[in-house]
């Protein structure tokens, strides 16, 4: 049950990062006429930094040093950003609206990131 509540908190805290992500995605694709995959990746970068701070501090209450946690976070975020771009690009090319493609990518990456955060990134050194 604790894991479920932690996942819900992870998702709720991630909503702020996701809002930043989507705002940049829409601005780049609609406003600046950039490719969907590029918009998805730039937005994901900005949202990722919001999520690092919020989850480290409020959800996992990690005492792992930034020099240990941040590279791990960046590795997982980097993988997620590339995966996000691939999914959005592929689904957009397959005829999906870019926002629907982004929603599908967001759900998959949310689950992957939670498990990586809980078991590798933010796990306290003495646990």
C-alpha atoms as a PDB file:
ATOM      1  CA  UNK A   1       0.000   0.000   0.000  1.00  0.00           C
ATOM      2  CA  UNK A   2       2.922   2.338   0.780  1.00  0.00           C
ATOM      3  CA  UNK A   3       4.242   1.852  -2.752  1.00  0.00           C
ATOM      4  CA  UNK A   4       0.863   2.815  -4.196  1.00  0.00           C
ATOM      5  CA  UNK A   5       0.764   6.053  -2.206  1.00  0.00           C
ATOM      6  CA  UNK A   6       4.341   6.801  -3.189  1.00  0.00           C
ATOM      7  CA  UNK A   7       3.491   6.194  -6.838  1.00  0.00           C
ATOM      8  CA  UNK A   8       0.485   8.521  -6.563  1.00  0.00           C
ATOM      9  CA  UNK A   9       2.683  11.217  -4.986  1.00  0.00           C
ATOM     10  CA  UNK A  10       5.259  10.626  -7.719  1.00  0.00           C
ATOM     11  CA  UNK A  11       2.581  11.140 -10.360  1.00  0.00           C
ATOM     12  CA  UNK A  12       1.144  14.230  -8.645  1.00  0.00           C
ATOM     13  CA  UNK A  13       4.532  15.872  -8.183  1.00  0.00           C
ATOM     14  CA  UNK A  14       5.337  14.966 -11.751  1.00  0.00           C
ATOM     15  CA  UNK A  15       2.276  16.893 -12.918  1.00  0.00           C
ATOM     16  CA  UNK A  16       4.155  20.169 -12.537  1.00  0.00           C
ATOM     17  CA  UNK A  17       7.062  18.906 -14.621  1.00  0.00           C
ATOM     18  CA  UNK A  18       4.604  17.505 -17.134  1.00  0.00           C
ATOM     19  CA  UNK A  19       2.853  20.881 -17.393  1.00  0.00           C
ATOM     20  CA  UNK A  20       6.189  22.542 -18.173  1.00  0.00           C
ATOM     21  CA  UNK A  21       6.901  19.763 -20.674  1.00  0.00           C
ATOM     22  CA  UNK A  22       3.581  20.125 -22.505  1.00  0.00           C
ATOM     23  CA  UNK A  23       3.684  23.937 -22.567  1.00  0.00           C
ATOM     24  CA  UNK A  24       7.079  23.862 -24.236  1.00  0.00           C
ATOM     25  CA  UNK A  25       5.984  21.093 -26.599  1.00  0.00           C
ATOM     26  CA  UNK A  26       2.941  23.059 -27.749  1.00  0.00           C
ATOM     27  CA  UNK A  27       4.896  26.312 -28.019  1.00  0.00           C
ATOM     28  CA  UNK A  28       7.613  24.701 -30.127  1.00  0.00           C
ATOM     29  CA  UNK A  29       5.340  22.685 -32.404  1.00  0.00           C
ATOM     30  CA  UNK A  30       2.445  25.110 -32.801  1.00  0.00           C
ATOM     31  CA  UNK A  31       4.132  28.456 -32.256  1.00  0.00           C
ATOM     32  CA  UNK A  32       7.600  27.884 -33.695  1.00  0.00           C
ATOM     33  CA  UNK A  33       6.684  25.118 -36.191  1.00  0.00           C
ATOM     34  CA  UNK A  34       9.375  22.745 -34.925  1.00  0.00           C
ATOM     35  CA  UNK A  35       9.210  18.948 -35.381  1.00  0.00           C
ATOM     36  CA  UNK A  36       7.089  17.050 -32.870  1.00  0.00           C
ATOM     37  CA  UNK A  37       9.975  14.871 -31.681  1.00  0.00           C
ATOM     38  CA  UNK A  38      12.172  17.921 -30.990  1.00  0.00           C
ATOM     39  CA  UNK A  39       9.390  19.641 -29.071  1.00  0.00           C
ATOM     40  CA  UNK A  40       8.831  16.503 -27.038  1.00  0.00           C
ATOM     41  CA  UNK A  41      12.509  16.202 -26.121  1.00  0.00           C
ATOM     42  CA  UNK A  42      13.023  19.892 -25.196  1.00  0.00           C
ATOM     43  CA  UNK A  43       9.888  19.880 -23.077  1.00  0.00           C
ATOM     44  CA  UNK A  44      10.937  16.680 -21.365  1.00  0.00           C
ATOM     45  CA  UNK A  45      14.311  18.188 -20.395  1.00  0.00           C
ATOM     46  CA  UNK A  46      12.709  21.154 -18.649  1.00  0.00           C
ATOM     47  CA  UNK A  47      10.135  18.970 -16.914  1.00  0.00           C
ATOM     48  CA  UNK A  48      12.807  16.533 -15.765  1.00  0.00           C
ATOM     49  CA  UNK A  49      14.626  19.091 -13.661  1.00  0.00           C
ATOM     50  CA  UNK A  50      11.394  20.023 -11.885  1.00  0.00           C
ATOM     51  CA  UNK A  51      10.771  16.352 -11.165  1.00  0.00           C
ATOM     52  CA  UNK A  52      14.288  15.722  -9.787  1.00  0.00           C
ATOM     53  CA  UNK A  53      13.967  18.388  -7.137  1.00  0.00           C
ATOM     54  CA  UNK A  54      10.385  17.625  -6.143  1.00  0.00           C
ATOM     55  CA  UNK A  55      10.796  13.855  -5.887  1.00  0.00           C
ATOM     56  CA  UNK A  56      14.176  13.926  -4.188  1.00  0.00           C
ATOM     57  CA  UNK A  57      12.925  16.330  -1.540  1.00  0.00           C
ATOM     58  CA  UNK A  58       9.245  15.503  -1.030  1.00  0.00           C
ATOM     59  CA  UNK A  59       8.500  11.992  -2.246  1.00  0.00           C
ATOM     60  CA  UNK A  60      11.566   9.869  -1.604  1.00  0.00           C
ATOM     61  CA  UNK A  61      13.155  12.193   0.998  1.00  0.00           C
ATOM     62  CA  UNK A  62      16.497  11.009  -0.239  1.00  0.00           C
ATOM     63  CA  UNK A  63      19.717  11.653   1.609  1.00  0.00           C
ATOM     64  CA  UNK A  64      21.772  10.339  -1.289  1.00  0.00           C
ATOM     65  CA  UNK A  65      24.260  13.012  -2.280  1.00  0.00           C
ATOM     66  CA  UNK A  66      23.523  15.011  -5.393  1.00  0.00           C
ATOM     67  CA  UNK A  67      26.805  13.846  -6.906  1.00  0.00           C
ATOM     68  CA  UNK A  68      25.452  10.298  -6.697  1.00  0.00           C
ATOM     69  CA  UNK A  69      21.735  10.839  -7.325  1.00  0.00           C
ATOM     70  CA  UNK A  70      21.926  13.469 -10.052  1.00  0.00           C
ATOM     71  CA  UNK A  71      24.029  11.419 -12.520  1.00  0.00           C
ATOM     72  CA  UNK A  72      21.685   8.481 -12.009  1.00  0.00           C
ATOM     73  CA  UNK A  73      18.684  10.735 -12.517  1.00  0.00           C
ATOM     74  CA  UNK A  74      20.239  12.230 -15.642  1.00  0.00           C
ATOM     75  CA  UNK A  75      20.944   8.780 -17.069  1.00  0.00           C
ATOM     76  CA  UNK A  76      17.340   7.675 -16.554  1.00  0.00           C
ATOM     77  CA  UNK A  77      16.001  11.058 -17.720  1.00  0.00           C
ATOM     78  CA  UNK A  78      18.231  10.940 -20.802  1.00  0.00           C
ATOM     79  CA  UNK A  79      16.945   7.504 -21.676  1.00  0.00           C
ATOM     80  CA  UNK A  80      13.389   8.704 -21.058  1.00  0.00           C
ATOM     81  CA  UNK A  81      13.887  11.798 -23.221  1.00  0.00           C
ATOM     82  CA  UNK A  82      15.191   9.756 -26.132  1.00  0.00           C
ATOM     83  CA  UNK A  83      12.450   7.160 -25.669  1.00  0.00           C
ATOM     84  CA  UNK A  84       9.908   9.990 -25.489  1.00  0.00           C
ATOM     85  CA  UNK A  85      11.137  11.465 -28.765  1.00  0.00           C
ATOM     86  CA  UNK A  86      11.140   8.060 -30.458  1.00  0.00           C
ATOM     87  CA  UNK A  87       7.610   7.251 -29.294  1.00  0.00           C
ATOM     88  CA  UNK A  88       6.185  10.663 -30.216  1.00  0.00           C
ATOM     89  CA  UNK A  89       7.996  10.690 -33.547  1.00  0.00           C
ATOM     90  CA  UNK A  90       6.909   7.154 -34.417  1.00  0.00           C
ATOM     91  CA  UNK A  91       3.280   7.610 -33.394  1.00  0.00           C
ATOM     92  CA  UNK A  92       3.085  11.022 -35.134  1.00  0.00           C
ATOM     93  CA  UNK A  93       4.409   9.477 -38.317  1.00  0.00           C
ATOM     94  CA  UNK A  94       1.817   6.704 -37.912  1.00  0.00           C
ATOM     95  CA  UNK A  95      -0.923   9.331 -38.022  1.00  0.00           C
ATOM     96  CA  UNK A  96      -1.515  10.041 -34.328  1.00  0.00           C
ATOM     97  CA  UNK A  97      -2.007  13.647 -33.250  1.00  0.00           C
ATOM     98  CA  UNK A  98       1.216  14.717 -31.552  1.00  0.00           C
ATOM     99  CA  UNK A  99      -0.533  15.423 -28.226  1.00  0.00           C
ATOM    100  CA  UNK A 100      -2.103  11.958 -28.135  1.00  0.00           C
ATOM    101  CA  UNK A 101       1.288  10.470 -28.987  1.00  0.00           C
ATOM    102  CA  UNK A 102       2.823  12.511 -26.173  1.00  0.00           C
ATOM    103  CA  UNK A 103       0.202  11.320 -23.698  1.00  0.00           C
ATOM    104  CA  UNK A 104       0.975   7.678 -24.538  1.00  0.00           C
ATOM    105  CA  UNK A 105       4.702   8.305 -24.142  1.00  0.00           C
ATOM    106  CA  UNK A 106       4.145  10.108 -20.834  1.00  0.00           C
ATOM    107  CA  UNK A 107       2.269   7.189 -19.280  1.00  0.00           C
ATOM    108  CA  UNK A 108       4.889   4.618 -20.252  1.00  0.00           C
ATOM    109  CA  UNK A 109       7.807   6.770 -19.131  1.00  0.00           C
ATOM    110  CA  UNK A 110       6.063   7.627 -15.835  1.00  0.00           C
ATOM    111  CA  UNK A 111       6.003   3.970 -14.818  1.00  0.00           C
ATOM    112  CA  UNK A 112       9.618   3.376 -15.876  1.00  0.00           C
ATOM    113  CA  UNK A 113      10.831   6.485 -14.039  1.00  0.00           C
ATOM    114  CA  UNK A 114       9.009   5.622 -10.810  1.00  0.00           C
ATOM    115  CA  UNK A 115      10.644   2.222 -10.525  1.00  0.00           C
ATOM    116  CA  UNK A 116      14.075   3.588 -11.429  1.00  0.00           C
ATOM    117  CA  UNK A 117      13.672   6.412  -8.897  1.00  0.00           C
ATOM    118  CA  UNK A 118      12.532   4.129  -6.113  1.00  0.00           C
ATOM    119  CA  UNK A 119      15.074   1.360  -6.624  1.00  0.00           C
ATOM    120  CA  UNK A 120      18.159   3.128  -7.962  1.00  0.00           C
ATOM    121  CA  UNK A 121      18.192   6.930  -8.061  1.00  0.00           C
ATOM    122  CA  UNK A 122      16.822   8.073  -4.699  1.00  0.00           C
ATOM    123  CA  UNK A 123      17.292   5.006  -2.530  1.00  0.00           C
ATOM    124  CA  UNK A 124      19.068   6.159   0.638  1.00  0.00           C
ATOM    125  CA  UNK A 125      22.652   4.915   0.946  1.00  0.00           C
ATOM    126  CA  UNK A 126      22.040   3.115   4.268  1.00  0.00           C
ATOM    127  CA  UNK A 127      18.959   1.184   3.105  1.00  0.00           C
END
